[in-house]
Amino acid sequence: MINEVWTTSKWKRLSQSGKNNRNKLEDGSVSKHTEGSISIRQHKKRMQAMLKRPPTGVELYARLHTKWSTQEYITPKAAKVKEAYESAMVAKFGDDTSCHPLLDNETWCEVSGGVKKGRIYGFGYVSNPASFLEGTSSTITSQEVVYERVRNEMRDEMDAKAAEMEAKHQQIHEEMDAKAAAIDAKQQIDAKYEAMEKMYAALQNMMGN
């Protein structure tokens, strides 16, 4: 009976439709992932236990979209999105990746194509990947990152000015030492010249007598 149901034309159409949806092309690549039956939340939990810290968005994305045997991305689009996201994050937050948030929703949506049918490319139905990864809102996280970046830039600028002032102070000190040495040398020459004049005068007096 069950076999008869599964062989009806209706079920065949439904089966083919599901297959077509699973194999839907995205930018010329078949849309797929490697997470299997394990949910993205379970993957995140396992990675957090392994890393002893929350995984970054790129780390979790790589786990779900690379072949475990070769660590290659499963589609050209998967690799392209990762590269575009990393470049955009450097442009937005600077070269120091330690100051980047675990994930920036705005940047990810820009490079991945945004939300389509309630799904975010790479993270499925997770509506706010940044909150999912960090447990805080992406807006607050981004503000904190920008604040940290500005603070670091101000500190670097102050250090540079302090180094410049120290260099100028050293230069002035060296110039003063050089002038003092020159004055001392001149005084010594003047003293020797004065002594020679006295000796010459004494000789003239002796010769005159």
C-alpha atoms as a PDB file:
ATOM      1  CA  MET A   1       0.000   0.000   0.000  1.00  0.00           C
ATOM      2  CA  ILE A   2       2.752   2.455   0.974  1.00  0.00           C
ATOM      3  CA  ASN A   3       4.704   1.582  -2.163  1.00  0.00           C
ATOM      4  CA  GLU A   4       1.634   2.329  -4.249  1.00  0.00           C
ATOM      5  CA  VAL A   5       1.277   5.748  -2.600  1.00  0.00           C
ATOM      6  CA  TRP A   6       4.902   6.642  -3.255  1.00  0.00           C
ATOM      7  CA  THR A   7       4.627   5.655  -6.887  1.00  0.00           C
ATOM      8  CA  THR A   8       1.616   7.832  -7.655  1.00  0.00           C
ATOM      9  CA  SER A   9       2.163  10.744 -10.019  1.00  0.00           C
ATOM     10  CA  LYS A  10       1.326  13.263  -7.273  1.00  0.00           C
ATOM     11  CA  TRP A  11       4.031  12.006  -4.932  1.00  0.00           C
ATOM     12  CA  LYS A  12       6.490  11.800  -7.792  1.00  0.00           C
ATOM     13  CA  ARG A  13       5.843  15.453  -8.575  1.00  0.00           C
ATOM     14  CA  LEU A  14       6.276  16.428  -4.918  1.00  0.00           C
ATOM     15  CA  SER A  15       9.475  14.429  -4.678  1.00  0.00           C
ATOM     16  CA  GLN A  16      10.871  16.003  -7.835  1.00  0.00           C
ATOM     17  CA  SER A  17       9.849  19.467  -6.646  1.00  0.00           C
ATOM     18  CA  GLY A  18      11.668  18.949  -3.357  1.00  0.00           C
ATOM     19  CA  LYS A  19      14.723  17.713  -5.202  1.00  0.00           C
ATOM     20  CA  ASN A  20      14.668  20.742  -7.497  1.00  0.00           C
ATOM     21  CA  ASN A  21      14.375  23.110  -4.528  1.00  0.00           C
ATOM     22  CA  ARG A  22      17.285  21.449  -2.774  1.00  0.00           C
ATOM     23  CA  ASN A  23      19.361  21.749  -5.926  1.00  0.00           C
ATOM     24  CA  LYS A  24      18.326  25.309  -6.707  1.00  0.00           C
ATOM     25  CA  LEU A  25      21.068  27.204  -8.523  1.00  0.00           C
ATOM     26  CA  GLU A  26      22.525  30.287  -6.849  1.00  0.00           C
ATOM     27  CA  ASP A  27      24.823  32.355  -9.062  1.00  0.00           C
ATOM     28  CA  GLY A  28      25.534  29.278 -11.145  1.00  0.00           C
ATOM     29  CA  SER A  29      26.252  27.051  -8.132  1.00  0.00           C
ATOM     30  CA  VAL A  30      24.057  24.459  -6.508  1.00  0.00           C
ATOM     31  CA  SER A  31      22.914  25.708  -3.104  1.00  0.00           C
ATOM     32  CA  LYS A  32      24.058  23.275  -0.442  1.00  0.00           C
ATOM     33  CA  HIS A  33      25.903  22.930   2.838  1.00  0.00           C
ATOM     34  CA  THR A  34      27.784  20.279   4.782  1.00  0.00           C
ATOM     35  CA  GLU A  35      26.019  20.527   8.135  1.00  0.00           C
ATOM     36  CA  GLY A  36      24.007  17.361   7.511  1.00  0.00           C
ATOM     37  CA  SER A  37      21.316  16.613  10.082  1.00  0.00           C
ATOM     38  CA  ILE A  38      23.071  18.627  12.787  1.00  0.00           C
ATOM     39  CA  SER A  39      21.547  22.061  13.385  1.00  0.00           C
ATOM     40  CA  ILE A  40      23.572  25.238  13.128  1.00  0.00           C
ATOM     41  CA  ARG A  41      23.065  25.760  16.867  1.00  0.00           C
ATOM     42  CA  GLN A  42      24.574  22.357  17.601  1.00  0.00           C
ATOM     43  CA  HIS A  43      27.521  23.163  15.340  1.00  0.00           C
ATOM     44  CA  LYS A  44      28.055  26.441  17.175  1.00  0.00           C
ATOM     45  CA  LYS A  45      27.862  24.694  20.556  1.00  0.00           C
ATOM     46  CA  ARG A  46      30.403  22.067  19.498  1.00  0.00           C
ATOM     47  CA  MET A  47      32.788  24.678  18.081  1.00  0.00           C
ATOM     48  CA  GLN A  48      32.514  26.799  21.218  1.00  0.00           C
ATOM     49  CA  ALA A  49      33.395  23.791  23.380  1.00  0.00           C
ATOM     50  CA  MET A  50      36.333  22.953  21.124  1.00  0.00           C
ATOM     51  CA  LEU A  51      37.675  26.517  20.796  1.00  0.00           C
ATOM     52  CA  LYS A  52      36.940  27.503  24.413  1.00  0.00           C
ATOM     53  CA  ARG A  53      35.323  30.651  23.003  1.00  0.00           C
ATOM     54  CA  PRO A  54      32.427  31.581  20.712  1.00  0.00           C
ATOM     55  CA  PRO A  55      33.289  30.903  17.055  1.00  0.00           C
ATOM     56  CA  THR A  56      33.410  33.823  14.668  1.00  0.00           C
ATOM     57  CA  GLY A  57      30.857  34.037  11.900  1.00  0.00           C
ATOM     58  CA  VAL A  58      33.500  33.123   9.322  1.00  0.00           C
ATOM     59  CA  GLU A  59      34.628  30.095  11.364  1.00  0.00           C
ATOM     60  CA  LEU A  60      31.080  28.782  11.701  1.00  0.00           C
ATOM     61  CA  TYR A  61      30.337  29.535   8.057  1.00  0.00           C
ATOM     62  CA  ALA A  62      33.484  27.670   7.001  1.00  0.00           C
ATOM     63  CA  ARG A  63      32.477  24.641   9.072  1.00  0.00           C
ATOM     64  CA  LEU A  64      29.124  24.518   7.310  1.00  0.00           C
ATOM     65  CA  HIS A  65      30.347  25.276   3.789  1.00  0.00           C
ATOM     66  CA  THR A  66      33.677  23.504   3.333  1.00  0.00           C
ATOM     67  CA  LYS A  67      34.481  19.895   2.613  1.00  0.00           C
ATOM     68  CA  TRP A  68      35.854  18.298   5.736  1.00  0.00           C
ATOM     69  CA  SER A  69      38.366  16.216   3.778  1.00  0.00           C
ATOM     70  CA  THR A  70      39.949  19.067   1.782  1.00  0.00           C
ATOM     71  CA  GLN A  71      38.734  22.217   3.611  1.00  0.00           C
ATOM     72  CA  GLU A  72      37.704  23.582   0.213  1.00  0.00           C
ATOM     73  CA  TYR A  73      34.502  25.583  -0.098  1.00  0.00           C
ATOM     74  CA  ILE A  74      31.698  23.552  -1.606  1.00  0.00           C
ATOM     75  CA  THR A  75      30.735  26.162  -4.215  1.00  0.00           C
ATOM     76  CA  PRO A  76      32.404  29.154  -5.869  1.00  0.00           C
ATOM     77  CA  LYS A  77      29.783  31.419  -4.304  1.00  0.00           C
ATOM     78  CA  ALA A  78      30.562  30.117  -0.815  1.00  0.00           C
ATOM     79  CA  ALA A  79      34.223  31.036  -1.241  1.00  0.00           C
ATOM     80  CA  LYS A  80      33.391  34.363  -2.905  1.00  0.00           C
ATOM     81  CA  VAL A  81      31.087  35.466  -0.074  1.00  0.00           C
ATOM     82  CA  LYS A  82      33.710  34.620   2.564  1.00  0.00           C
ATOM     83  CA  GLU A  83      36.437  36.576   0.744  1.00  0.00           C
ATOM     84  CA  ALA A  84      34.158  39.564   0.089  1.00  0.00           C
ATOM     85  CA  TYR A  85      33.048  39.648   3.732  1.00  0.00           C
ATOM     86  CA  GLU A  86      36.600  39.605   5.090  1.00  0.00           C
ATOM     87  CA  SER A  87      37.655  42.403   2.726  1.00  0.00           C
ATOM     88  CA  ALA A  88      34.616  44.500   3.671  1.00  0.00           C
ATOM     89  CA  MET A  89      35.289  43.990   7.395  1.00  0.00           C
ATOM     90  CA  VAL A  90      38.885  45.194   7.052  1.00  0.00           C
ATOM     91  CA  ALA A  91      37.630  48.270   5.199  1.00  0.00           C
ATOM     92  CA  LYS A  92      35.018  48.919   7.894  1.00  0.00           C
ATOM     93  CA  PHE A  93      36.845  48.046  11.115  1.00  0.00           C
ATOM     94  CA  GLY A  94      40.559  48.087  10.211  1.00  0.00           C
ATOM     95  CA  ASP A  95      43.299  45.509   9.728  1.00  0.00           C
ATOM     96  CA  ASP A  96      43.318  44.283  13.339  1.00  0.00           C
ATOM     97  CA  THR A  97      40.847  41.397  13.171  1.00  0.00           C
ATOM     98  CA  SER A  98      40.952  41.019  16.958  1.00  0.00           C
ATOM     99  CA  CYS A  99      38.922  44.246  17.092  1.00  0.00           C
ATOM    100  CA  HIS A 100      36.265  42.931  14.702  1.00  0.00           C
ATOM    101  CA  PRO A 101      32.903  41.689  16.023  1.00  0.00           C
ATOM    102  CA  LEU A 102      32.239  37.969  15.700  1.00  0.00           C
ATOM    103  CA  LEU A 103      29.907  38.900  12.861  1.00  0.00           C
ATOM    104  CA  ASP A 104      28.576  42.151  11.441  1.00  0.00           C
ATOM    105  CA  ASN A 105      25.047  41.575  10.135  1.00  0.00           C
ATOM    106  CA  GLU A 106      24.996  44.604   7.850  1.00  0.00           C
ATOM    107  CA  THR A 107      28.258  43.691   6.146  1.00  0.00           C
ATOM    108  CA  TRP A 108      27.307  40.025   5.803  1.00  0.00           C
ATOM    109  CA  CYS A 109      23.963  40.856   4.200  1.00  0.00           C
ATOM    110  CA  GLU A 110      25.628  43.300   1.808  1.00  0.00           C
ATOM    111  CA  VAL A 111      28.088  40.737   0.451  1.00  0.00           C
ATOM    112  CA  SER A 112      25.802  37.695   0.573  1.00  0.00           C
ATOM    113  CA  GLY A 113      22.704  39.151  -1.038  1.00  0.00           C
ATOM    114  CA  GLY A 114      20.592  40.004   2.003  1.00  0.00           C
ATOM    115  CA  VAL A 115      17.565  38.197   3.369  1.00  0.00           C
ATOM    116  CA  LYS A 116      15.679  36.049   0.870  1.00  0.00           C
ATOM    117  CA  LYS A 117      12.438  34.332   1.881  1.00  0.00           C
ATOM    118  CA  GLY A 118      13.337  34.731   5.536  1.00  0.00           C
ATOM    119  CA  ARG A 119      16.765  33.160   5.103  1.00  0.00           C
ATOM    120  CA  ILE A 120      20.225  34.699   5.356  1.00  0.00           C
ATOM    121  CA  TYR A 121      22.750  33.053   3.067  1.00  0.00           C
ATOM    122  CA  GLY A 122      25.109  30.907   5.111  1.00  0.00           C
ATOM    123  CA  PHE A 123      23.022  31.013   8.302  1.00  0.00           C
ATOM    124  CA  GLY A 124      19.613  29.750   7.201  1.00  0.00           C
ATOM    125  CA  TYR A 125      16.680  30.960   9.272  1.00  0.00           C
ATOM    126  CA  VAL A 126      18.841  32.538  11.981  1.00  0.00           C
ATOM    127  CA  SER A 127      17.382  36.053  11.764  1.00  0.00           C
ATOM    128  CA  ASN A 128      20.221  37.771  13.627  1.00  0.00           C
ATOM    129  CA  PRO A 129      23.493  35.848  13.215  1.00  0.00           C
ATOM    130  CA  ALA A 130      25.466  38.381  15.280  1.00  0.00           C
ATOM    131  CA  SER A 131      23.155  37.976  18.282  1.00  0.00           C
ATOM    132  CA  PHE A 132      23.175  34.221  17.724  1.00  0.00           C
ATOM    133  CA  LEU A 133      26.973  34.159  17.948  1.00  0.00           C
ATOM    134  CA  GLU A 134      27.528  36.737  20.678  1.00  0.00           C
ATOM    135  CA  GLY A 135      24.369  36.929  22.733  1.00  0.00           C
ATOM    136  CA  THR A 136      24.327  40.740  22.228  1.00  0.00           C
ATOM    137  CA  SER A 137      22.825  42.965  19.592  1.00  0.00           C
ATOM    138  CA  SER A 138      24.927  43.583  16.514  1.00  0.00           C
ATOM    139  CA  THR A 139      24.379  47.342  16.857  1.00  0.00           C
ATOM    140  CA  ILE A 140      25.920  47.451  20.309  1.00  0.00           C
ATOM    141  CA  THR A 141      28.726  45.173  19.207  1.00  0.00           C
ATOM    142  CA  SER A 142      29.528  47.359  16.214  1.00  0.00           C
ATOM    143  CA  GLN A 143      29.474  50.489  18.370  1.00  0.00           C
ATOM    144  CA  GLU A 144      31.836  48.876  20.846  1.00  0.00           C
ATOM    145  CA  VAL A 145      34.176  47.836  18.055  1.00  0.00           C
ATOM    146  CA  VAL A 146      34.181  51.329  16.549  1.00  0.00           C
ATOM    147  CA  TYR A 147      34.814  52.817  20.002  1.00  0.00           C
ATOM    148  CA  GLU A 148      37.722  50.424  20.560  1.00  0.00           C
ATOM    149  CA  ARG A 149      39.141  51.257  17.148  1.00  0.00           C
ATOM    150  CA  VAL A 150      38.925  55.029  17.798  1.00  0.00           C
ATOM    151  CA  ARG A 151      40.491  54.589  21.226  1.00  0.00           C
ATOM    152  CA  ASN A 152      43.359  52.587  19.742  1.00  0.00           C
ATOM    153  CA  GLU A 153      43.883  55.206  17.036  1.00  0.00           C
ATOM    154  CA  MET A 154      43.935  57.999  19.641  1.00  0.00           C
ATOM    155  CA  ARG A 155      46.398  56.044  21.761  1.00  0.00           C
ATOM    156  CA  ASP A 156      48.635  55.445  18.748  1.00  0.00           C
ATOM    157  CA  GLU A 157      48.465  59.145  17.863  1.00  0.00           C
ATOM    158  CA  MET A 158      49.379  60.147  21.428  1.00  0.00           C
ATOM    159  CA  ASP A 159      52.265  57.668  21.457  1.00  0.00           C
ATOM    160  CA  ALA A 160      53.501  59.076  18.147  1.00  0.00           C
ATOM    161  CA  LYS A 161      53.337  62.653  19.466  1.00  0.00           C
ATOM    162  CA  ALA A 162      55.129  61.639  22.667  1.00  0.00           C
ATOM    163  CA  ALA A 163      57.857  59.964  20.626  1.00  0.00           C
ATOM    164  CA  GLU A 164      58.134  63.077  18.441  1.00  0.00           C
ATOM    165  CA  MET A 165      58.435  65.328  21.498  1.00  0.00           C
ATOM    166  CA  GLU A 166      61.059  63.029  23.006  1.00  0.00           C
ATOM    167  CA  ALA A 167      63.048  63.126  19.753  1.00  0.00           C
ATOM    168  CA  LYS A 168      62.882  66.948  19.684  1.00  0.00           C
ATOM    169  CA  HIS A 169      63.930  67.123  23.333  1.00  0.00           C
ATOM    170  CA  GLN A 170      66.871  64.846  22.613  1.00  0.00           C
ATOM    171  CA  GLN A 171      67.837  66.976  19.606  1.00  0.00           C
ATOM    172  CA  ILE A 172      67.709  70.187  21.666  1.00  0.00           C
ATOM    173  CA  HIS A 173      69.751  68.542  24.419  1.00  0.00           C
ATOM    174  CA  GLU A 174      72.386  67.436  21.913  1.00  0.00           C
ATOM    175  CA  GLU A 175      72.501  70.911  20.336  1.00  0.00           C
ATOM    176  CA  MET A 176      72.943  72.506  23.755  1.00  0.00           C
ATOM    177  CA  ASP A 177      75.730  70.062  24.593  1.00  0.00           C
ATOM    178  CA  ALA A 178      77.402  70.856  21.266  1.00  0.00           C
ATOM    179  CA  LYS A 179      77.152  74.609  21.914  1.00  0.00           C
ATOM    180  CA  ALA A 180      78.495  74.181  25.432  1.00  0.00           C
ATOM    181  CA  ALA A 181      81.394  72.146  24.087  1.00  0.00           C
ATOM    182  CA  ALA A 182      82.071  74.817  21.454  1.00  0.00           C
ATOM    183  CA  ILE A 183      82.012  77.575  24.086  1.00  0.00           C
ATOM    184  CA  ASP A 184      84.323  75.571  26.310  1.00  0.00           C
ATOM    185  CA  ALA A 185      86.717  74.973  23.413  1.00  0.00           C
ATOM    186  CA  LYS A 186      86.675  78.700  22.551  1.00  0.00           C
ATOM    187  CA  GLN A 187      87.341  79.617  26.155  1.00  0.00           C
ATOM    188  CA  GLN A 188      90.283  77.230  26.237  1.00  0.00           C
ATOM    189  CA  ILE A 189      91.675  78.727  23.012  1.00  0.00           C
ATOM    190  CA  ASP A 190      91.194  82.251  24.362  1.00  0.00           C
ATOM    191  CA  ALA A 191      92.954  81.287  27.582  1.00  0.00           C
ATOM    192  CA  LYS A 192      95.878  79.788  25.682  1.00  0.00           C
ATOM    193  CA  TYR A 193      96.073  82.865  23.431  1.00  0.00           C
ATOM    194  CA  GLU A 194      96.051  85.151  26.461  1.00  0.00           C
ATOM    195  CA  ALA A 195      98.818  83.096  28.100  1.00  0.00           C
ATOM    196  CA  MET A 196     100.890  83.274  24.923  1.00  0.00           C
ATOM    197  CA  GLU A 197     100.453  87.055  24.780  1.00  0.00           C
ATOM    198  CA  LYS A 198     101.657  87.349  28.355  1.00  0.00           C
ATOM    199  CA  MET A 199     104.671  85.185  27.607  1.00  0.00           C
ATOM    200  CA  TYR A 200     105.450  87.275  24.501  1.00  0.00           C
ATOM    201  CA  ALA A 201     105.201  90.492  26.516  1.00  0.00           C
ATOM    202  CA  ALA A 202     107.489  89.066  29.181  1.00  0.00           C
ATOM    203  CA  LEU A 203     110.066  88.081  26.558  1.00  0.00           C
ATOM    204  CA  GLN A 204     109.970  91.577  25.066  1.00  0.00           C
ATOM    205  CA  ASN A 205     110.575  93.093  28.492  1.00  0.00           C
ATOM    206  CA  MET A 206     113.495  90.768  29.089  1.00  0.00           C
ATOM    207  CA  MET A 207     115.032  91.601  25.700  1.00  0.00           C
ATOM    208  CA  GLY A 208     114.550  95.320  26.296  1.00  0.00           C
ATOM    209  CA  ASN A 209     116.388  95.182  29.575  1.00  0.00           C
END
